[in-house]
Amino acid sequence: MDKKIKRIGVLTSGGDSPGMNAAVRAVVRTAITFGIQCVGIRRGWQGLINSDFVTLDGAAVGHVLDRGGTILYTARSEEFMTDKGREKAMATCKMLGLDAIVAIGGDGTFRGALAFSRMGMPVVGIPATIDNDIGCTNYTIGFDTACNTAIECIDKLRDTMQSHERCSVVEVMGRNAGFLALYVGIAVGATAVLVPERELDFERDVVERIRNARLAGNTHFMVVVAEGAGSAVEIGKQIHEAIGIEPRVTVLGHIQRGGSPNARDRETATRMGYFAVKALKEGRSNLVITTRDGAIVETPIEEGLQMKKSLQMDRYEVLEAVGISVPRV
């Protein structure tokens, strides 16, 4: 990229996650430090099509570091994935004089960024999703905060489940990935955790674990279900039919996406935002800012989208080893 960067656009796309605002703030303030103007594109890629934007300066992002959600709003855009839609978006870029785009989001956001880069627009992606399922990075902005939100909710549920000696089935987010469910399950000492990456054997994974917990003296049980592993309501019905206990079902839903980002997400988002603008200033683009072994590294978008992340099944071994005390027979 030979062209000097004078003005960049920044957008958030797809599902929101805690820390997106911290990333936007870092992009804007780093750009100002480097003498680059910054334009906020509202409502993701669709905002480029609709010419929905706001000029951002230091004051505009002065009190957003601790805010959840995204001040730029977010949306998914099927229109942007068409040639006609991207042509409209490119026309907006030309009208605004944008030299590059920083796109904050998940895989869908990066697929859009890759398509746009092939039209000649330099782009840099920042991974932000509570699912932590982007293959090219160890960590995505929002995961840790979402985990802590789920843990806080489940801890409160356990109090009442223990008081009434009941079984609780809690559904957490994770349509295609069980990172959130497994991490949270270990942290709350769940009796069982169901994830989409592991084929469900109901007798082995649920019934026997509840039965062993009861034989070990427990009178309340916690089952954590990733939404992609099955419906918590249906799992609850199956438990009732198999064992005779009547579980209470809680679907945490979108509460996991909200709330003030914690220290890890604020710090990671800030570093990623800085390195995104730094890469553009130094002439590098069409990449994703990722973490690897604690360090910030750059990964080409096309390569990053082809990478897969496997659930660390050794965590399942940990869960099974320490989750319940199996009685001697």
Protein backbone atom coordinates (compact mmCIF):
# COMPACT_ATOMS: atom_id res chain seq x y z
CA MET A 1 0.00 0.00 0.00
CA ASP A 2 1.80 3.07 -1.27
CA LYS A 3 -0.86 5.66 -0.51
CA LYS A 4 -0.42 7.72 2.64
CA ILE A 5 -3.26 7.23 5.11
CA LYS A 6 -5.02 10.50 5.86
CA ARG A 7 -8.52 9.41 6.89
CA ILE A 8 -9.84 6.04 8.08
CA GLY A 9 -13.26 4.65 8.84
CA VAL A 10 -14.02 2.45 11.84
CA LEU A 11 -17.07 0.21 12.24
CA THR A 12 -18.48 -2.51 14.48
CA SER A 13 -20.38 -5.35 12.87
CA GLY A 14 -22.21 -8.56 13.81
CA GLY A 15 -23.01 -9.40 17.42
CA ASP A 16 -21.90 -6.80 19.95
CA SER A 17 -19.46 -7.69 22.70
CA PRO A 18 -18.08 -5.90 25.76
CA GLY A 19 -14.91 -4.03 24.81
CA MET A 20 -15.96 -2.91 21.34
CA ASN A 21 -16.13 0.69 22.57
CA ALA A 22 -12.65 0.40 24.04
CA ALA A 23 -11.39 -0.74 20.61
CA VAL A 24 -13.15 2.16 18.85
CA ARG A 25 -11.64 4.57 21.37
CA ALA A 26 -8.15 3.19 20.79
CA VAL A 27 -8.53 3.42 17.01
CA VAL A 28 -9.69 7.04 17.19
CA ARG A 29 -7.09 8.23 19.67
CA THR A 30 -4.23 6.42 17.96
CA ALA A 31 -5.30 7.87 14.63
CA ILE A 32 -5.26 11.37 16.13
CA THR A 33 -1.80 10.73 17.57
CA PHE A 34 -0.57 9.76 14.10
CA GLY A 35 -2.23 12.75 12.44
CA ILE A 36 -4.98 10.68 10.82
CA GLN A 37 -8.63 11.71 10.76
CA CYS A 38 -11.24 9.16 11.84
CA VAL A 39 -14.84 8.64 10.72
CA GLY A 40 -17.22 6.33 12.56
CA ILE A 41 -19.38 4.18 10.31
CA ARG A 42 -22.63 3.42 12.10
CA ARG A 43 -24.49 0.10 11.85
CA GLY A 44 -21.64 -1.93 10.41
CA TRP A 45 -21.12 -2.56 6.71
CA GLN A 46 -24.70 -1.47 6.07
CA GLY A 47 -23.70 1.99 7.27
CA LEU A 48 -21.24 2.27 4.39
CA ILE A 49 -24.01 1.42 1.95
CA ASN A 50 -26.39 3.96 3.52
CA SER A 51 -23.73 6.64 4.09
CA ASP A 52 -24.48 6.52 7.83
CA PHE A 53 -21.47 8.07 9.55
CA VAL A 54 -20.22 10.42 12.25
CA THR A 55 -16.93 12.29 12.56
CA LEU A 56 -14.98 11.09 15.58
CA ASP A 57 -12.51 13.11 17.62
CA GLY A 58 -10.96 12.64 21.04
CA ALA A 59 -13.98 14.10 22.84
CA ALA A 60 -16.39 11.76 21.04
CA VAL A 61 -14.72 8.73 22.63
CA GLY A 62 -13.82 10.38 25.93
CA HIS A 63 -16.17 8.39 28.17
CA VAL A 64 -16.73 5.10 26.40
CA LEU A 65 -13.97 2.88 27.78
CA ASP A 66 -16.23 1.42 30.47
CA ARG A 67 -19.39 1.16 28.37
CA GLY A 68 -20.75 -2.10 27.02
CA GLY A 69 -22.32 -2.46 23.58
CA THR A 70 -21.08 -0.20 20.81
CA ILE A 71 -21.59 3.53 20.36
CA LEU A 72 -21.42 2.98 16.60
CA TYR A 73 -24.30 0.50 16.72
CA THR A 74 -24.06 -2.77 14.85
CA ALA A 75 -25.94 -4.73 12.22
CA ARG A 76 -25.59 -7.62 9.82
CA SER A 77 -25.79 -6.73 6.15
CA GLU A 78 -26.76 -9.24 3.49
CA GLU A 79 -26.70 -6.41 0.95
CA PHE A 80 -22.99 -5.83 1.56
CA MET A 81 -22.26 -9.41 0.49
CA THR A 82 -23.54 -8.59 -3.01
CA ASP A 83 -21.46 -6.87 -5.69
CA LYS A 84 -24.00 -4.05 -5.94
CA GLY A 85 -23.95 -3.49 -2.19
CA ARG A 86 -20.17 -3.29 -2.04
CA GLU A 87 -20.15 -0.88 -4.98
CA LYS A 88 -22.45 1.42 -2.99
CA ALA A 89 -20.16 1.08 0.01
CA MET A 90 -17.11 1.92 -2.09
CA ALA A 91 -18.90 4.99 -3.43
CA THR A 92 -19.43 6.15 0.16
CA CYS A 93 -15.73 5.62 0.91
CA LYS A 94 -14.78 7.74 -2.08
CA MET A 95 -17.25 10.45 -1.12
CA LEU A 96 -15.86 10.57 2.45
CA GLY A 97 -12.26 10.29 1.30
CA LEU A 98 -11.58 7.17 3.34
CA ASP A 99 -8.20 5.56 2.74
CA ALA A 100 -8.80 2.46 4.86
CA ILE A 101 -11.31 0.70 7.12
CA VAL A 102 -10.87 -0.81 10.59
CA ALA A 103 -13.59 -3.43 11.07
CA ILE A 104 -14.36 -4.75 14.58
CA GLY A 105 -16.31 -8.01 14.83
CA GLY A 106 -16.23 -11.72 14.08
CA ASP A 107 -15.89 -14.06 11.12
CA GLY A 108 -18.79 -12.50 9.21
CA THR A 109 -17.24 -9.07 9.63
CA PHE A 110 -13.92 -10.36 8.31
CA ARG A 111 -15.52 -12.07 5.32
CA GLY A 112 -16.98 -8.70 4.41
CA ALA A 113 -13.59 -7.08 4.96
CA LEU A 114 -11.91 -9.62 2.69
CA ALA A 115 -14.43 -9.00 -0.09
CA PHE A 116 -13.95 -5.24 0.27
CA SER A 117 -10.17 -5.55 0.24
CA ARG A 118 -10.39 -7.35 -3.10
CA MET A 119 -12.01 -4.22 -4.49
CA GLY A 120 -8.95 -2.23 -3.50
CA MET A 121 -9.92 -0.86 -0.08
CA PRO A 122 -7.24 -1.48 2.60
CA VAL A 123 -8.80 -3.06 5.69
CA VAL A 124 -7.70 -4.25 9.12
CA GLY A 125 -9.89 -6.45 11.35
CA ILE A 126 -10.11 -6.56 15.13
CA PRO A 127 -11.67 -9.77 16.56
CA ALA A 128 -14.55 -9.13 18.95
CA THR A 129 -17.06 -11.84 19.86
CA ILE A 130 -18.08 -13.41 23.15
CA ASP A 131 -17.88 -16.88 21.54
CA ASN A 132 -14.05 -16.70 21.24
CA ASP A 133 -14.39 -18.86 18.13
CA ILE A 134 -12.18 -17.02 15.61
CA GLY A 135 -9.54 -19.50 14.48
CA CYS A 136 -6.63 -17.13 13.91
CA THR A 137 -6.55 -15.64 17.41
CA ASN A 138 -6.18 -17.10 20.88
CA TYR A 139 -8.54 -14.49 22.31
CA THR A 140 -11.43 -12.32 21.14
CA ILE A 141 -12.63 -9.12 22.79
CA GLY A 142 -15.63 -9.69 25.05
CA PHE A 143 -15.10 -13.35 25.98
CA ASP A 144 -13.81 -12.83 29.50
CA THR A 145 -16.52 -10.31 30.41
CA ALA A 146 -19.23 -12.61 29.05
CA CYS A 147 -17.80 -15.50 31.08
CA ASN A 148 -17.85 -13.45 34.25
CA THR A 149 -21.43 -12.31 33.58
CA ALA A 150 -22.53 -15.93 33.18
CA ILE A 151 -20.60 -16.98 36.29
CA GLU A 152 -22.24 -14.26 38.37
CA CYS A 153 -25.71 -15.33 37.21
CA ILE A 154 -25.05 -19.04 37.79
CA ASP A 155 -23.60 -18.43 41.25
CA LYS A 156 -26.86 -16.72 42.20
CA LEU A 157 -28.90 -19.54 40.71
CA ARG A 158 -26.89 -22.05 42.72
CA ASP A 159 -27.87 -20.31 45.95
CA THR A 160 -31.56 -20.94 45.34
CA MET A 161 -30.99 -24.40 43.81
CA GLN A 162 -29.05 -25.41 46.92
CA SER A 163 -31.74 -24.04 49.21
CA HIS A 164 -34.47 -26.01 47.43
CA GLU A 165 -32.28 -29.04 46.59
CA ARG A 166 -33.00 -28.78 42.89
CA CYS A 167 -31.35 -29.25 39.52
CA SER A 168 -30.67 -26.19 37.39
CA VAL A 169 -30.16 -26.32 33.61
CA VAL A 170 -28.58 -23.12 32.31
CA GLU A 171 -28.25 -22.32 28.62
CA VAL A 172 -25.39 -20.02 27.65
CA MET A 173 -24.47 -18.62 24.26
CA GLY A 174 -22.37 -20.57 21.81
CA ARG A 175 -24.19 -21.51 18.61
CA ASN A 176 -21.28 -23.31 17.00
CA ALA A 177 -18.67 -23.21 19.74
CA GLY A 178 -18.52 -24.41 23.32
CA PHE A 179 -15.68 -22.23 24.60
CA LEU A 180 -17.97 -20.10 26.75
CA ALA A 181 -19.94 -23.04 28.14
CA LEU A 182 -16.92 -25.16 29.04
CA TYR A 183 -14.95 -22.28 30.56
CA VAL A 184 -17.94 -21.20 32.63
CA GLY A 185 -18.81 -24.77 33.55
CA ILE A 186 -15.41 -25.36 35.08
CA ALA A 187 -15.51 -22.01 36.88
CA VAL A 188 -18.88 -22.71 38.54
CA GLY A 189 -18.18 -26.38 39.29
CA ALA A 190 -20.96 -27.63 37.03
CA THR A 191 -22.19 -31.20 37.37
CA ALA A 192 -22.27 -31.48 33.56
CA VAL A 193 -21.44 -29.31 30.54
CA LEU A 194 -22.80 -29.89 27.04
CA VAL A 195 -20.98 -28.40 24.04
CA PRO A 196 -21.55 -28.71 20.27
CA GLU A 197 -18.02 -30.04 19.68
CA ARG A 198 -18.74 -33.21 21.65
CA GLU A 199 -21.46 -35.63 20.54
CA LEU A 200 -24.01 -35.94 23.31
CA ASP A 201 -24.44 -39.27 25.06
CA PHE A 202 -27.28 -38.33 27.40
CA GLU A 203 -26.88 -41.30 29.71
CA ARG A 204 -23.11 -40.77 30.06
CA ASP A 205 -22.89 -36.99 29.97
CA VAL A 206 -25.93 -36.06 32.05
CA VAL A 207 -27.74 -38.91 33.80
CA GLU A 208 -24.68 -40.70 35.17
CA ARG A 209 -23.04 -37.48 36.30
CA ILE A 210 -26.15 -36.38 38.19
CA ARG A 211 -26.56 -39.89 39.61
CA ASN A 212 -22.94 -40.03 40.80
CA ALA A 213 -23.22 -36.56 42.29
CA ARG A 214 -26.29 -37.66 44.23
CA LEU A 215 -24.56 -40.83 45.45
CA ALA A 216 -21.66 -38.64 46.58
CA GLY A 217 -24.05 -36.70 48.80
CA ASN A 218 -24.99 -33.75 46.61
CA THR A 219 -28.63 -32.66 46.61
CA HIS A 220 -28.44 -29.92 43.98
CA PHE A 221 -27.01 -30.10 40.46
CA MET A 222 -25.90 -27.61 37.80
CA VAL A 223 -25.99 -28.47 34.10
CA VAL A 224 -24.53 -25.90 31.66
CA VAL A 225 -25.62 -26.17 28.03
CA ALA A 226 -24.16 -24.27 25.05
CA GLU A 227 -27.05 -23.20 22.83
CA GLY A 228 -25.55 -25.13 19.92
CA ALA A 229 -25.51 -28.37 21.92
CA GLY A 230 -29.27 -28.47 22.40
CA SER A 231 -32.21 -26.70 23.98
CA ALA A 232 -31.98 -26.32 27.74
CA VAL A 233 -35.74 -26.77 27.90
CA GLU A 234 -35.51 -30.12 26.12
CA ILE A 235 -32.54 -31.20 28.22
CA GLY A 236 -34.58 -30.37 31.31
CA LYS A 237 -37.47 -32.51 30.08
CA GLN A 238 -35.13 -35.42 29.37
CA ILE A 239 -33.64 -35.18 32.86
CA HIS A 240 -37.13 -35.28 34.37
CA GLU A 241 -38.08 -38.33 32.30
CA ALA A 242 -34.83 -40.19 33.02
CA ILE A 243 -34.32 -39.49 36.73
CA GLY A 244 -37.61 -38.11 37.99
CA ILE A 245 -36.30 -34.79 39.27
CA GLU A 246 -37.84 -31.62 37.88
CA PRO A 247 -35.11 -29.17 36.78
CA ARG A 248 -35.45 -25.41 36.67
CA VAL A 249 -34.36 -24.04 33.28
CA THR A 250 -32.70 -20.64 32.78
CA VAL A 251 -31.70 -19.23 29.39
CA LEU A 252 -29.20 -16.42 29.97
CA GLY A 253 -29.46 -15.16 26.40
CA HIS A 254 -28.28 -11.71 25.45
CA ILE A 255 -27.54 -10.64 29.03
CA GLN A 256 -24.12 -12.20 28.40
CA ARG A 257 -23.31 -9.59 25.73
CA GLY A 258 -23.98 -6.59 27.92
CA GLY A 259 -22.28 -4.88 30.81
CA SER A 260 -19.10 -2.95 31.43
CA PRO A 261 -16.05 -4.73 29.98
CA ASN A 262 -13.60 -6.06 32.52
CA ALA A 263 -9.89 -5.25 32.72
CA ARG A 264 -8.78 -7.96 30.28
CA ASP A 265 -11.21 -6.87 27.57
CA ARG A 266 -10.46 -3.17 27.99
CA GLU A 267 -6.71 -3.74 27.85
CA THR A 268 -6.83 -6.21 24.94
CA ALA A 269 -9.19 -4.00 22.94
CA THR A 270 -6.97 -0.98 23.51
CA ARG A 271 -3.83 -2.78 22.36
CA MET A 272 -5.57 -4.21 19.30
CA GLY A 273 -6.97 -0.82 18.32
CA TYR A 274 -3.54 0.76 18.59
CA PHE A 275 -1.84 -1.92 16.49
CA ALA A 276 -4.58 -1.78 13.85
CA VAL A 277 -3.95 1.90 13.15
CA LYS A 278 -0.18 1.47 13.46
CA ALA A 279 -0.25 -1.23 10.77
CA LEU A 280 -2.17 1.03 8.39
CA LYS A 281 0.18 3.96 9.06
CA GLU A 282 3.16 1.74 8.26
CA GLY A 283 1.63 0.49 5.01
CA ARG A 284 0.28 -2.91 6.05
CA SER A 285 -3.34 -3.90 5.50
CA ASN A 286 -5.76 -6.71 4.68
CA LEU A 287 -4.99 -8.39 7.96
CA VAL A 288 -6.49 -9.24 11.34
CA ILE A 289 -4.93 -8.08 14.61
CA THR A 290 -4.71 -11.22 16.73
CA THR A 291 -3.25 -12.52 19.98
CA ARG A 292 -0.87 -15.44 20.18
CA ASP A 293 0.79 -16.50 23.42
CA GLY A 294 -0.05 -13.13 24.91
CA ALA A 295 1.51 -11.10 22.10
CA ILE A 296 -0.24 -9.02 19.45
CA VAL A 297 0.45 -10.39 15.97
CA GLU A 298 -0.85 -9.74 12.46
CA THR A 299 -2.53 -12.43 10.36
CA PRO A 300 -3.60 -11.97 6.71
CA ILE A 301 -7.41 -11.95 6.56
CA GLU A 302 -7.66 -14.66 3.90
CA GLU A 303 -5.33 -16.94 5.86
CA GLY A 304 -7.09 -16.17 9.13
CA LEU A 305 -10.52 -17.09 7.79
CA GLN A 306 -9.23 -20.51 6.79
CA MET A 307 -7.87 -21.27 10.26
CA LYS A 308 -9.92 -23.35 12.70
CA LYS A 309 -9.88 -23.33 16.48
CA SER A 310 -10.51 -26.57 18.34
CA LEU A 311 -12.07 -26.75 21.77
CA GLN A 312 -9.41 -27.75 24.29
CA MET A 313 -10.81 -31.12 25.28
CA ASP A 314 -8.30 -31.41 28.13
CA ARG A 315 -10.61 -28.95 29.87
CA TYR A 316 -13.31 -31.59 29.65
CA GLU A 317 -10.95 -33.99 31.41
CA VAL A 318 -10.50 -31.42 34.15
CA LEU A 319 -14.27 -31.01 34.47
CA GLU A 320 -14.84 -34.74 34.72
CA ALA A 321 -12.05 -35.17 37.27
CA VAL A 322 -12.97 -32.39 39.70
CA GLY A 323 -16.64 -31.73 38.96
CA ILE A 324 -18.02 -34.36 41.35
CA SER A 325 -16.69 -36.81 43.92
CA VAL A 326 -17.52 -40.25 42.53
CA PRO A 327 -18.35 -42.65 45.39
CA ARG A 328 -16.36 -45.82 45.87
CA VAL A 329 -18.26 -49.01 45.12
